[in-house]
Amino acid sequence: MNTTTLHPPKIIYEVWENLPEGTSCQLINNNLVMSPAPLDVHQFILNEINIELSLYLQKNIGQIRIAPYDVDFSKRNIF
C-alpha cells in the first residue's frame, strides 16, 4: 500500500505533487490542466532551433538543455 492510499491528498497541489514524473500536466489557478502531445512539425522546428543554439552556445558560452522543467510560481500555479 502506498502513502497516497494511506494519506489521500487534501488539496489539489498535493494531487499534482503526487503525479508520476513526466506527466504533461500543469497546475493553473488551482486546476489540473493536461497538455496535449506536440505535433510533428513542432518537434522538427524545436530540433532545428536546438541545433543552432547548441552550436552557438558551445562555442561562446556553455551548454543548452532540452527537457520539460517545472516553473513554480506558487502552490496554485506550476507550469
N, C-alpha and C. Protein backbone atom coordinates (compact mmCIF):
# COMPACT_ATOMS: atom_id res chain seq x y z
N MET A 1 0.86 -1.17 0.00
CA MET A 1 0.00 0.00 0.00
C MET A 1 0.91 1.24 0.00
N ASN A 2 0.65 2.18 -0.92
CA ASN A 2 1.49 3.38 -0.98
C ASN A 2 0.98 4.47 -0.03
N THR A 3 1.80 5.50 0.15
CA THR A 3 1.44 6.57 1.10
C THR A 3 0.25 7.38 0.64
N THR A 4 0.02 7.46 -0.68
CA THR A 4 -1.14 8.21 -1.18
C THR A 4 -2.43 7.53 -0.75
N THR A 5 -2.44 6.20 -0.71
CA THR A 5 -3.62 5.46 -0.28
C THR A 5 -3.85 5.65 1.21
N LEU A 6 -2.77 5.64 1.99
CA LEU A 6 -2.90 5.82 3.43
C LEU A 6 -3.27 7.24 3.82
N HIS A 7 -2.75 8.22 3.06
CA HIS A 7 -2.98 9.64 3.33
C HIS A 7 -3.42 10.33 2.03
N PRO A 8 -4.71 10.22 1.68
CA PRO A 8 -5.17 10.81 0.42
C PRO A 8 -4.93 12.32 0.40
N PRO A 9 -4.68 12.89 -0.80
CA PRO A 9 -4.46 14.33 -0.92
C PRO A 9 -5.65 15.13 -0.40
N LYS A 10 -5.35 16.25 0.26
CA LYS A 10 -6.40 17.12 0.78
C LYS A 10 -6.60 18.35 -0.10
N ILE A 11 -5.55 18.74 -0.81
CA ILE A 11 -5.64 19.90 -1.70
C ILE A 11 -5.11 19.51 -3.07
N ILE A 12 -5.51 20.26 -4.10
CA ILE A 12 -5.15 19.92 -5.48
C ILE A 12 -3.64 19.95 -5.69
N TYR A 13 -2.92 20.81 -4.96
CA TYR A 13 -1.46 20.84 -5.06
C TYR A 13 -0.88 19.48 -4.68
N GLU A 14 -1.43 18.83 -3.68
CA GLU A 14 -0.94 17.51 -3.27
C GLU A 14 -1.21 16.47 -4.36
N VAL A 15 -2.33 16.60 -5.07
CA VAL A 15 -2.61 15.70 -6.19
C VAL A 15 -1.54 15.91 -7.25
N TRP A 16 -1.29 17.17 -7.62
CA TRP A 16 -0.27 17.49 -8.63
C TRP A 16 1.10 16.97 -8.20
N GLU A 17 1.43 17.17 -6.94
CA GLU A 17 2.73 16.76 -6.41
C GLU A 17 2.93 15.25 -6.50
N ASN A 18 1.86 14.47 -6.46
CA ASN A 18 1.95 13.01 -6.49
C ASN A 18 1.81 12.40 -7.87
N LEU A 19 1.67 13.23 -8.92
CA LEU A 19 1.61 12.69 -10.28
C LEU A 19 2.96 12.10 -10.64
N PRO A 20 2.99 11.07 -11.47
CA PRO A 20 4.27 10.48 -11.89
C PRO A 20 5.13 11.51 -12.64
N GLU A 21 6.44 11.44 -12.47
CA GLU A 21 7.35 12.34 -13.17
C GLU A 21 7.13 12.20 -14.67
N GLY A 22 7.12 13.33 -15.36
CA GLY A 22 6.93 13.33 -16.80
C GLY A 22 5.48 13.49 -17.23
N THR A 23 4.55 13.51 -16.27
CA THR A 23 3.14 13.72 -16.61
C THR A 23 2.97 15.12 -17.19
N SER A 24 2.38 15.21 -18.38
CA SER A 24 2.17 16.51 -19.03
C SER A 24 0.97 17.21 -18.42
N CYS A 25 1.19 17.81 -17.29
CA CYS A 25 0.11 18.44 -16.55
C CYS A 25 0.62 19.71 -15.89
N GLN A 26 -0.20 20.74 -15.91
CA GLN A 26 0.12 22.00 -15.25
C GLN A 26 -0.94 22.28 -14.20
N LEU A 27 -0.54 23.04 -13.20
CA LEU A 27 -1.46 23.48 -12.16
C LEU A 27 -1.71 24.96 -12.41
N ILE A 28 -2.91 25.30 -12.88
CA ILE A 28 -3.24 26.68 -13.24
C ILE A 28 -4.47 27.11 -12.44
N ASN A 29 -4.29 28.14 -11.63
CA ASN A 29 -5.37 28.64 -10.77
C ASN A 29 -6.06 27.52 -10.01
N ASN A 30 -5.22 26.64 -9.46
CA ASN A 30 -5.68 25.53 -8.63
C ASN A 30 -6.50 24.50 -9.40
N ASN A 31 -6.28 24.39 -10.73
CA ASN A 31 -6.92 23.37 -11.55
C ASN A 31 -5.83 22.61 -12.30
N LEU A 32 -5.99 21.28 -12.39
CA LEU A 32 -5.06 20.48 -13.18
C LEU A 32 -5.45 20.58 -14.65
N VAL A 33 -4.48 20.93 -15.49
CA VAL A 33 -4.71 21.08 -16.93
C VAL A 33 -3.72 20.17 -17.66
N MET A 34 -4.25 19.20 -18.39
CA MET A 34 -3.40 18.27 -19.13
C MET A 34 -2.98 18.90 -20.45
N SER A 35 -1.70 18.71 -20.80
CA SER A 35 -1.16 19.25 -22.04
C SER A 35 -1.17 18.17 -23.11
N PRO A 36 -1.60 18.50 -24.33
CA PRO A 36 -1.57 17.51 -25.41
C PRO A 36 -0.13 17.30 -25.89
N ALA A 37 0.13 16.18 -26.53
CA ALA A 37 1.44 15.91 -27.10
C ALA A 37 1.70 16.90 -28.25
N PRO A 38 2.95 17.35 -28.41
CA PRO A 38 3.25 18.28 -29.50
C PRO A 38 3.14 17.61 -30.86
N LEU A 39 2.80 18.41 -31.87
CA LEU A 39 2.71 17.91 -33.24
C LEU A 39 4.10 17.65 -33.81
N ASP A 40 4.17 16.88 -34.88
CA ASP A 40 5.44 16.55 -35.52
C ASP A 40 6.18 17.81 -35.99
N VAL A 41 5.46 18.75 -36.57
CA VAL A 41 6.11 19.98 -37.06
C VAL A 41 6.73 20.75 -35.89
N HIS A 42 6.10 20.74 -34.74
CA HIS A 42 6.65 21.38 -33.55
C HIS A 42 7.99 20.74 -33.17
N GLN A 43 8.02 19.40 -33.17
CA GLN A 43 9.24 18.68 -32.82
C GLN A 43 10.36 18.98 -33.82
N PHE A 44 10.03 19.05 -35.11
CA PHE A 44 11.03 19.35 -36.14
C PHE A 44 11.63 20.75 -35.92
N ILE A 45 10.77 21.74 -35.73
CA ILE A 45 11.24 23.11 -35.53
C ILE A 45 12.05 23.21 -34.23
N LEU A 46 11.59 22.58 -33.19
CA LEU A 46 12.32 22.58 -31.93
C LEU A 46 13.73 22.01 -32.11
N ASN A 47 13.86 20.94 -32.86
CA ASN A 47 15.16 20.34 -33.11
C ASN A 47 16.06 21.28 -33.90
N GLU A 48 15.53 21.95 -34.90
CA GLU A 48 16.33 22.90 -35.70
C GLU A 48 16.84 24.05 -34.83
N ILE A 49 15.98 24.58 -33.99
CA ILE A 49 16.38 25.67 -33.08
C ILE A 49 17.44 25.18 -32.11
N ASN A 50 17.24 23.97 -31.58
CA ASN A 50 18.20 23.41 -30.64
C ASN A 50 19.58 23.25 -31.27
N ILE A 51 19.63 22.77 -32.49
CA ILE A 51 20.92 22.59 -33.17
C ILE A 51 21.65 23.92 -33.28
N GLU A 52 20.95 24.95 -33.76
CA GLU A 52 21.59 26.27 -33.92
C GLU A 52 22.04 26.86 -32.58
N LEU A 53 21.18 26.79 -31.58
CA LEU A 53 21.53 27.30 -30.25
C LEU A 53 22.71 26.54 -29.65
N SER A 54 22.69 25.23 -29.78
CA SER A 54 23.76 24.40 -29.23
C SER A 54 25.10 24.75 -29.85
N LEU A 55 25.14 24.87 -31.17
CA LEU A 55 26.39 25.20 -31.85
C LEU A 55 26.93 26.55 -31.38
N TYR A 56 26.05 27.53 -31.28
CA TYR A 56 26.48 28.86 -30.84
C TYR A 56 26.95 28.84 -29.39
N LEU A 57 26.14 28.26 -28.52
CA LEU A 57 26.47 28.27 -27.09
C LEU A 57 27.73 27.48 -26.78
N GLN A 58 27.94 26.35 -27.44
CA GLN A 58 29.14 25.55 -27.19
C GLN A 58 30.40 26.33 -27.55
N LYS A 59 30.33 27.16 -28.58
CA LYS A 59 31.49 27.96 -29.00
C LYS A 59 31.69 29.18 -28.12
N ASN A 60 30.62 29.74 -27.56
CA ASN A 60 30.70 31.04 -26.91
C ASN A 60 30.41 31.06 -25.41
N ILE A 61 29.53 30.20 -24.93
CA ILE A 61 29.07 30.37 -23.55
C ILE A 61 29.13 29.07 -22.76
N GLY A 62 28.46 28.06 -23.21
CA GLY A 62 28.37 26.83 -22.42
C GLY A 62 27.51 25.79 -23.09
N GLN A 63 26.50 25.33 -22.40
CA GLN A 63 25.67 24.24 -22.89
C GLN A 63 24.19 24.62 -22.84
N ILE A 64 23.40 23.83 -23.55
CA ILE A 64 21.95 24.01 -23.55
C ILE A 64 21.31 22.69 -23.13
N ARG A 65 20.19 22.76 -22.51
CA ARG A 65 19.43 21.57 -22.11
C ARG A 65 18.03 21.64 -22.71
N ILE A 66 17.55 20.49 -23.15
CA ILE A 66 16.16 20.41 -23.60
C ILE A 66 15.49 19.38 -22.71
N ALA A 67 14.55 19.84 -21.96
CA ALA A 67 13.77 18.95 -21.10
C ALA A 67 12.62 19.75 -20.53
N PRO A 68 11.53 19.09 -20.24
CA PRO A 68 10.48 19.81 -19.53
C PRO A 68 10.95 20.16 -18.12
N TYR A 69 10.74 21.38 -17.74
CA TYR A 69 11.06 21.82 -16.39
C TYR A 69 9.83 22.48 -15.79
N ASP A 70 9.62 22.24 -14.51
CA ASP A 70 8.53 22.90 -13.82
C ASP A 70 8.97 24.29 -13.40
N VAL A 71 8.10 25.27 -13.61
CA VAL A 71 8.32 26.63 -13.12
C VAL A 71 7.26 26.86 -12.06
N ASP A 72 7.70 26.94 -10.81
CA ASP A 72 6.77 27.11 -9.69
C ASP A 72 6.58 28.59 -9.38
N PHE A 73 5.39 29.10 -9.68
CA PHE A 73 5.07 30.48 -9.32
C PHE A 73 4.45 30.54 -7.93
N SER A 74 3.70 29.50 -7.59
CA SER A 74 3.09 29.38 -6.28
C SER A 74 2.57 27.95 -6.16
N LYS A 75 1.96 27.62 -5.04
CA LYS A 75 1.39 26.29 -4.89
C LYS A 75 0.07 26.14 -5.66
N ARG A 76 -0.37 27.22 -6.30
CA ARG A 76 -1.58 27.18 -7.12
C ARG A 76 -1.28 27.29 -8.60
N ASN A 77 -0.03 27.67 -8.97
CA ASN A 77 0.35 27.87 -10.37
C ASN A 77 1.74 27.30 -10.62
N ILE A 78 1.75 26.13 -11.27
CA ILE A 78 3.00 25.47 -11.64
C ILE A 78 2.89 25.08 -13.10
N PHE A 79 3.78 25.63 -13.90
CA PHE A 79 3.75 25.39 -15.34
C PHE A 79 4.93 24.52 -15.75
